[in-house]
PDB file of N, CA and C in Angstrom:
ATOM      1  N   MET A   1     -14.329 -22.438 -63.484  1.00  0.00           N
ATOM      2  CA  MET A   1     -14.064 -21.004 -63.392  1.00  0.00           C
ATOM      3  C   MET A   1     -15.379 -20.235 -63.530  1.00  0.00           C
ATOM      4  N   PRO A   2     -15.628 -19.280 -62.657  1.00  0.00           N
ATOM      5  CA  PRO A   2     -16.872 -18.513 -62.733  1.00  0.00           C
ATOM      6  C   PRO A   2     -16.943 -17.693 -64.013  1.00  0.00           C
ATOM      7  N   SER A   3     -18.167 -17.479 -64.495  1.00  0.00           N
ATOM      8  CA  SER A   3     -18.349 -16.692 -65.710  1.00  0.00           C
ATOM      9  C   SER A   3     -18.149 -15.203 -65.448  1.00  0.00           C
ATOM     10  N   SER A   4     -18.303 -14.777 -64.220  1.00  0.00           N
ATOM     11  CA  SER A   4     -17.999 -13.400 -63.823  1.00  0.00           C
ATOM     12  C   SER A   4     -17.637 -13.425 -62.340  1.00  0.00           C
ATOM     13  N   PRO A   5     -16.836 -12.463 -61.917  1.00  0.00           N
ATOM     14  CA  PRO A   5     -16.427 -12.473 -60.507  1.00  0.00           C
ATOM     15  C   PRO A   5     -17.612 -12.183 -59.581  1.00  0.00           C
ATOM     16  N   SER A   6     -17.615 -12.821 -58.429  1.00  0.00           N
ATOM     17  CA  SER A   6     -18.712 -12.594 -57.483  1.00  0.00           C
ATOM     18  C   SER A   6     -18.761 -11.144 -57.023  1.00  0.00           C
ATOM     19  N   SER A   7     -17.627 -10.450 -57.085  1.00  0.00           N
ATOM     20  CA  SER A   7     -17.620  -9.034 -56.696  1.00  0.00           C
ATOM     21  C   SER A   7     -18.551  -8.220 -57.593  1.00  0.00           C
ATOM     22  N   ALA A   8     -18.652  -8.583 -58.865  1.00  0.00           N
ATOM     23  CA  ALA A   8     -19.569  -7.888 -59.773  1.00  0.00           C
ATOM     24  C   ALA A   8     -21.011  -8.138 -59.343  1.00  0.00           C
ATOM     25  N   GLY A   9     -21.311  -9.359 -58.960  1.00  0.00           N
ATOM     26  CA  GLY A   9     -22.654  -9.674 -58.484  1.00  0.00           C
ATOM     27  C   GLY A   9     -23.011  -8.887 -57.244  1.00  0.00           C
ATOM     28  N   HIS A  10     -22.057  -8.736 -56.347  1.00  0.00           N
ATOM     29  CA  HIS A  10     -22.304  -7.971 -55.117  1.00  0.00           C
ATOM     30  C   HIS A  10     -22.575  -6.502 -55.441  1.00  0.00           C
ATOM     31  N   LEU A  11     -21.869  -5.954 -56.414  1.00  0.00           N
ATOM     32  CA  LEU A  11     -22.106  -4.562 -56.808  1.00  0.00           C
ATOM     33  C   LEU A  11     -23.514  -4.384 -57.372  1.00  0.00           C
ATOM     34  N   PHE A  12     -23.922  -5.296 -58.251  1.00  0.00           N
ATOM     35  CA  PHE A  12     -25.271  -5.216 -58.804  1.00  0.00           C
ATOM     36  C   PHE A  12     -26.322  -5.372 -57.711  1.00  0.00           C
ATOM     37  N   GLN A  13     -26.119  -6.313 -56.813  1.00  0.00           N
ATOM     38  CA  GLN A  13     -27.086  -6.554 -55.743  1.00  0.00           C
ATOM     39  C   GLN A  13     -27.247  -5.319 -54.873  1.00  0.00           C
ATOM     40  N   GLN A  14     -26.163  -4.635 -54.595  1.00  0.00           N
ATOM     41  CA  GLN A  14     -26.236  -3.426 -53.773  1.00  0.00           C
ATOM     42  C   GLN A  14     -26.911  -2.280 -54.519  1.00  0.00           C
ATOM     43  N   ALA A  15     -26.769  -2.255 -55.847  1.00  0.00           N
ATOM     44  CA  ALA A  15     -27.304  -1.155 -56.646  1.00  0.00           C
ATOM     45  C   ALA A  15     -28.784  -1.325 -56.993  1.00  0.00           C
ATOM     46  N   ILE A  16     -29.289  -2.554 -56.947  1.00  0.00           N
ATOM     47  CA  ILE A  16     -30.665  -2.819 -57.358  1.00  0.00           C
ATOM     48  C   ILE A  16     -31.511  -3.117 -56.119  1.00  0.00           C
ATOM     49  N   GLN A  17     -32.363  -2.163 -55.782  1.00  0.00           N
ATOM     50  CA  GLN A  17     -33.196  -2.300 -54.590  1.00  0.00           C
ATOM     51  C   GLN A  17     -34.099  -3.526 -54.704  1.00  0.00           C
ATOM     52  N   GLY A  18     -34.172  -4.297 -53.646  1.00  0.00           N
ATOM     53  CA  GLY A  18     -35.025  -5.475 -53.610  1.00  0.00           C
ATOM     54  C   GLY A  18     -34.428  -6.711 -54.258  1.00  0.00           C
ATOM     55  N   SER A  19     -33.211  -6.579 -54.764  1.00  0.00           N
ATOM     56  CA  SER A  19     -32.587  -7.730 -55.426  1.00  0.00           C
ATOM     57  C   SER A  19     -32.003  -8.694 -54.403  1.00  0.00           C
ATOM     58  N   GLN A  20     -31.773  -9.900 -54.860  1.00  0.00           N
ATOM     59  CA  GLN A  20     -31.122 -10.918 -54.046  1.00  0.00           C
ATOM     60  C   GLN A  20     -29.999 -11.513 -54.876  1.00  0.00           C
ATOM     61  N   LEU A  21     -28.918 -11.871 -54.238  1.00  0.00           N
ATOM     62  CA  LEU A  21     -27.789 -12.491 -54.932  1.00  0.00           C
ATOM     63  C   LEU A  21     -27.647 -13.916 -54.453  1.00  0.00           C
ATOM     64  N   ARG A  22     -27.639 -14.832 -55.375  1.00  0.00           N
ATOM     65  CA  ARG A  22     -27.401 -16.246 -55.063  1.00  0.00           C
ATOM     66  C   ARG A  22     -26.233 -16.693 -55.931  1.00  0.00           C
ATOM     67  N   ILE A  23     -25.168 -17.125 -55.306  1.00  0.00           N
ATOM     68  CA  ILE A  23     -24.004 -17.628 -56.031  1.00  0.00           C
ATOM     69  C   ILE A  23     -24.078 -19.147 -56.036  1.00  0.00           C
ATOM     70  N   ILE A  24     -24.061 -19.715 -57.228  1.00  0.00           N
ATOM     71  CA  ILE A  24     -24.106 -21.164 -57.389  1.00  0.00           C
ATOM     72  C   ILE A  24     -22.694 -21.618 -57.731  1.00  0.00           C
ATOM     73  N   ASP A  25     -22.074 -22.313 -56.803  1.00  0.00           N
ATOM     74  CA  ASP A  25     -20.687 -22.751 -56.978  1.00  0.00           C
ATOM     75  C   ASP A  25     -20.540 -23.735 -58.132  1.00  0.00           C
ATOM     76  N   ASN A  26     -19.375 -23.670 -58.767  1.00  0.00           N
ATOM     77  CA  ASN A  26     -19.016 -24.601 -59.848  1.00  0.00           C
ATOM     78  C   ASN A  26     -20.051 -24.625 -60.963  1.00  0.00           C
ATOM     79  N   CYS A  27     -20.500 -23.443 -61.361  1.00  0.00           N
ATOM     80  CA  CYS A  27     -21.508 -23.325 -62.407  1.00  0.00           C
ATOM     81  C   CYS A  27     -21.098 -22.218 -63.364  1.00  0.00           C
ATOM     82  N   GLY A  28     -21.343 -22.440 -64.653  1.00  0.00           N
ATOM     83  CA  GLY A  28     -20.985 -21.453 -65.665  1.00  0.00           C
ATOM     84  C   GLY A  28     -22.188 -20.644 -66.119  1.00  0.00           C
ATOM     85  N   HIS A  29     -22.361 -20.560 -67.435  1.00  0.00           N
ATOM     86  CA  HIS A  29     -23.393 -19.707 -68.035  1.00  0.00           C
ATOM     87  C   HIS A  29     -24.784 -20.327 -68.063  1.00  0.00           C
ATOM     88  N   SER A  30     -24.916 -21.584 -67.726  1.00  0.00           N
ATOM     89  CA  SER A  30     -26.210 -22.264 -67.847  1.00  0.00           C
ATOM     90  C   SER A  30     -26.647 -22.908 -66.534  1.00  0.00           C
ATOM     91  N   PRO A  31     -26.960 -22.103 -65.531  1.00  0.00           N
ATOM     92  CA  PRO A  31     -27.328 -22.691 -64.244  1.00  0.00           C
ATOM     93  C   PRO A  31     -28.581 -23.564 -64.318  1.00  0.00           C
ATOM     94  N   ALA A  32     -29.509 -23.236 -65.213  1.00  0.00           N
ATOM     95  CA  ALA A  32     -30.728 -24.040 -65.330  1.00  0.00           C
ATOM     96  C   ALA A  32     -30.432 -25.445 -65.838  1.00  0.00           C
ATOM     97  N   VAL A  33     -29.309 -25.612 -66.522  1.00  0.00           N
ATOM     98  CA  VAL A  33     -28.913 -26.920 -67.037  1.00  0.00           C
ATOM     99  C   VAL A  33     -27.892 -27.573 -66.109  1.00  0.00           C
ATOM    100  N   GLU A  34     -26.885 -26.798 -65.711  1.00  0.00           N
ATOM    101  CA  GLU A  34     -25.769 -27.349 -64.943  1.00  0.00           C
ATOM    102  C   GLU A  34     -26.128 -27.674 -63.492  1.00  0.00           C
ATOM    103  N   LYS A  35     -26.931 -26.842 -62.875  1.00  0.00           N
ATOM    104  CA  LYS A  35     -27.280 -26.995 -61.452  1.00  0.00           C
ATOM    105  C   LYS A  35     -28.781 -26.763 -61.279  1.00  0.00           C
ATOM    106  N   ARG A  36     -29.561 -27.590 -61.969  1.00  0.00           N
ATOM    107  CA  ARG A  36     -31.013 -27.377 -62.054  1.00  0.00           C
ATOM    108  C   ARG A  36     -31.692 -27.197 -60.696  1.00  0.00           C
ATOM    109  N   SER A  37     -31.441 -28.074 -59.750  1.00  0.00           N
ATOM    110  CA  SER A  37     -32.163 -27.989 -58.470  1.00  0.00           C
ATOM    111  C   SER A  37     -31.812 -26.711 -57.707  1.00  0.00           C
ATOM    112  N   GLU A  38     -30.550 -26.308 -57.742  1.00  0.00           N
ATOM    113  CA  GLU A  38     -30.161 -25.063 -57.062  1.00  0.00           C
ATOM    114  C   GLU A  38     -30.764 -23.854 -57.762  1.00  0.00           C
ATOM    115  N   PHE A  39     -30.801 -23.896 -59.097  1.00  0.00           N
ATOM    116  CA  PHE A  39     -31.379 -22.810 -59.882  1.00  0.00           C
ATOM    117  C   PHE A  39     -32.873 -22.661 -59.577  1.00  0.00           C
ATOM    118  N   VAL A  40     -33.597 -23.774 -59.614  1.00  0.00           N
ATOM    119  CA  VAL A  40     -35.037 -23.742 -59.349  1.00  0.00           C
ATOM    120  C   VAL A  40     -35.310 -23.253 -57.928  1.00  0.00           C
ATOM    121  N   ALA A  41     -34.521 -23.704 -56.973  1.00  0.00           N
ATOM    122  CA  ALA A  41     -34.702 -23.258 -55.587  1.00  0.00           C
ATOM    123  C   ALA A  41     -34.480 -21.753 -55.464  1.00  0.00           C
ATOM    124  N   ALA A  42     -33.480 -21.231 -56.155  1.00  0.00           N
ATOM    125  CA  ALA A  42     -33.197 -19.795 -56.098  1.00  0.00           C
ATOM    126  C   ALA A  42     -34.330 -18.985 -56.716  1.00  0.00           C
ATOM    127  N   ILE A  43     -34.806 -19.410 -57.879  1.00  0.00           N
ATOM    128  CA  ILE A  43     -35.871 -18.678 -58.568  1.00  0.00           C
ATOM    129  C   ILE A  43     -37.185 -18.757 -57.791  1.00  0.00           C
ATOM    130  N   THR A  44     -37.573 -19.952 -57.360  1.00  0.00           N
ATOM    131  CA  THR A  44     -38.841 -20.071 -56.633  1.00  0.00           C
ATOM    132  C   THR A  44     -38.784 -19.358 -55.285  1.00  0.00           C
ATOM    133  N   GLY A  45     -37.638 -19.388 -54.641  1.00  0.00           N
ATOM    134  CA  GLY A  45     -37.495 -18.655 -53.384  1.00  0.00           C
ATOM    135  C   GLY A  45     -37.647 -17.162 -53.581  1.00  0.00           C
ATOM    136  N   PHE A  46     -37.036 -16.639 -54.637  1.00  0.00           N
ATOM    137  CA  PHE A  46     -37.141 -15.211 -54.925  1.00  0.00           C
ATOM    138  C   PHE A  46     -38.583 -14.841 -55.272  1.00  0.00           C
ATOM    139  N   LEU A  47     -39.206 -15.604 -56.158  1.00  0.00           N
ATOM    140  CA  LEU A  47     -40.577 -15.292 -56.555  1.00  0.00           C
ATOM    141  C   LEU A  47     -41.543 -15.402 -55.379  1.00  0.00           C
ATOM    142  N   SER A  48     -41.328 -16.363 -54.518  1.00  0.00           N
ATOM    143  CA  SER A  48     -42.178 -16.510 -53.329  1.00  0.00           C
ATOM    144  C   SER A  48     -42.057 -15.307 -52.407  1.00  0.00           C
ATOM    145  N   SER A  49     -40.882 -14.715 -52.364  1.00  0.00           N
ATOM    146  CA  SER A  49     -40.687 -13.548 -51.501  1.00  0.00           C
ATOM    147  C   SER A  49     -41.416 -12.321 -52.041  1.00  0.00           C
ATOM    148  N   LEU A  50     -41.760 -12.321 -53.329  1.00  0.00           N
ATOM    149  CA  LEU A  50     -42.447 -11.188 -53.946  1.00  0.00           C
ATOM    150  C   LEU A  50     -43.962 -11.318 -53.903  1.00  0.00           C
ATOM    151  N   ALA A  51     -44.452 -12.535 -53.891  1.00  0.00           N
ATOM    152  CA  ALA A  51     -45.888 -12.770 -53.980  1.00  0.00           C
ATOM    153  C   ALA A  51     -46.572 -12.489 -52.648  1.00  0.00           C
ATOM    154  N   PRO A  52     -47.728 -11.829 -52.705  1.00  0.00           N
ATOM    155  CA  PRO A  52     -48.485 -11.638 -51.464  1.00  0.00           C
ATOM    156  C   PRO A  52     -49.037 -12.986 -51.007  1.00  0.00           C
ATOM    157  N   PRO A  53     -49.288 -13.139 -49.721  1.00  0.00           N
ATOM    158  CA  PRO A  53     -49.854 -14.400 -49.224  1.00  0.00           C
ATOM    159  C   PRO A  53     -51.211 -14.665 -49.872  1.00  0.00           C
ATOM    160  N   ARG A  54     -51.473 -15.909 -50.182  1.00  0.00           N
ATOM    161  CA  ARG A  54     -52.766 -16.275 -50.778  1.00  0.00           C
ATOM    162  C   ARG A  54     -53.847 -16.299 -49.713  1.00  0.00           C
ATOM    163  N   ARG A  55     -55.033 -15.848 -50.117  1.00  0.00           N
ATOM    164  CA  ARG A  55     -56.185 -15.891 -49.218  1.00  0.00           C
ATOM    165  C   ARG A  55     -57.029 -17.100 -49.571  1.00  0.00           C
ATOM    166  N   SER A  56     -57.585 -17.730 -48.583  1.00  0.00           N
ATOM    167  CA  SER A  56     -58.528 -18.819 -48.859  1.00  0.00           C
ATOM    168  C   SER A  56     -59.919 -18.217 -48.984  1.00  0.00           C
ATOM    169  N   ASN A  57     -60.693 -18.757 -49.908  1.00  0.00           N
ATOM    170  CA  ASN A  57     -62.039 -18.209 -50.144  1.00  0.00           C
ATOM    171  C   ASN A  57     -63.025 -18.787 -49.202  1.00  0.00           C
TER     172      ASN A  57
END
């Protein structure tokens, strides 16, 4: 059972400019423990989208 309805996540995502919503199926309050690879992929993907491209020296 989800810890909160996905509809709540959609409302927050629409209200917060630049946010992204990733729903991890069959996961409760501890995505970093329960679904580690999906959690890491979501976080690194989001952070990569924020970082400017690296320049080579």
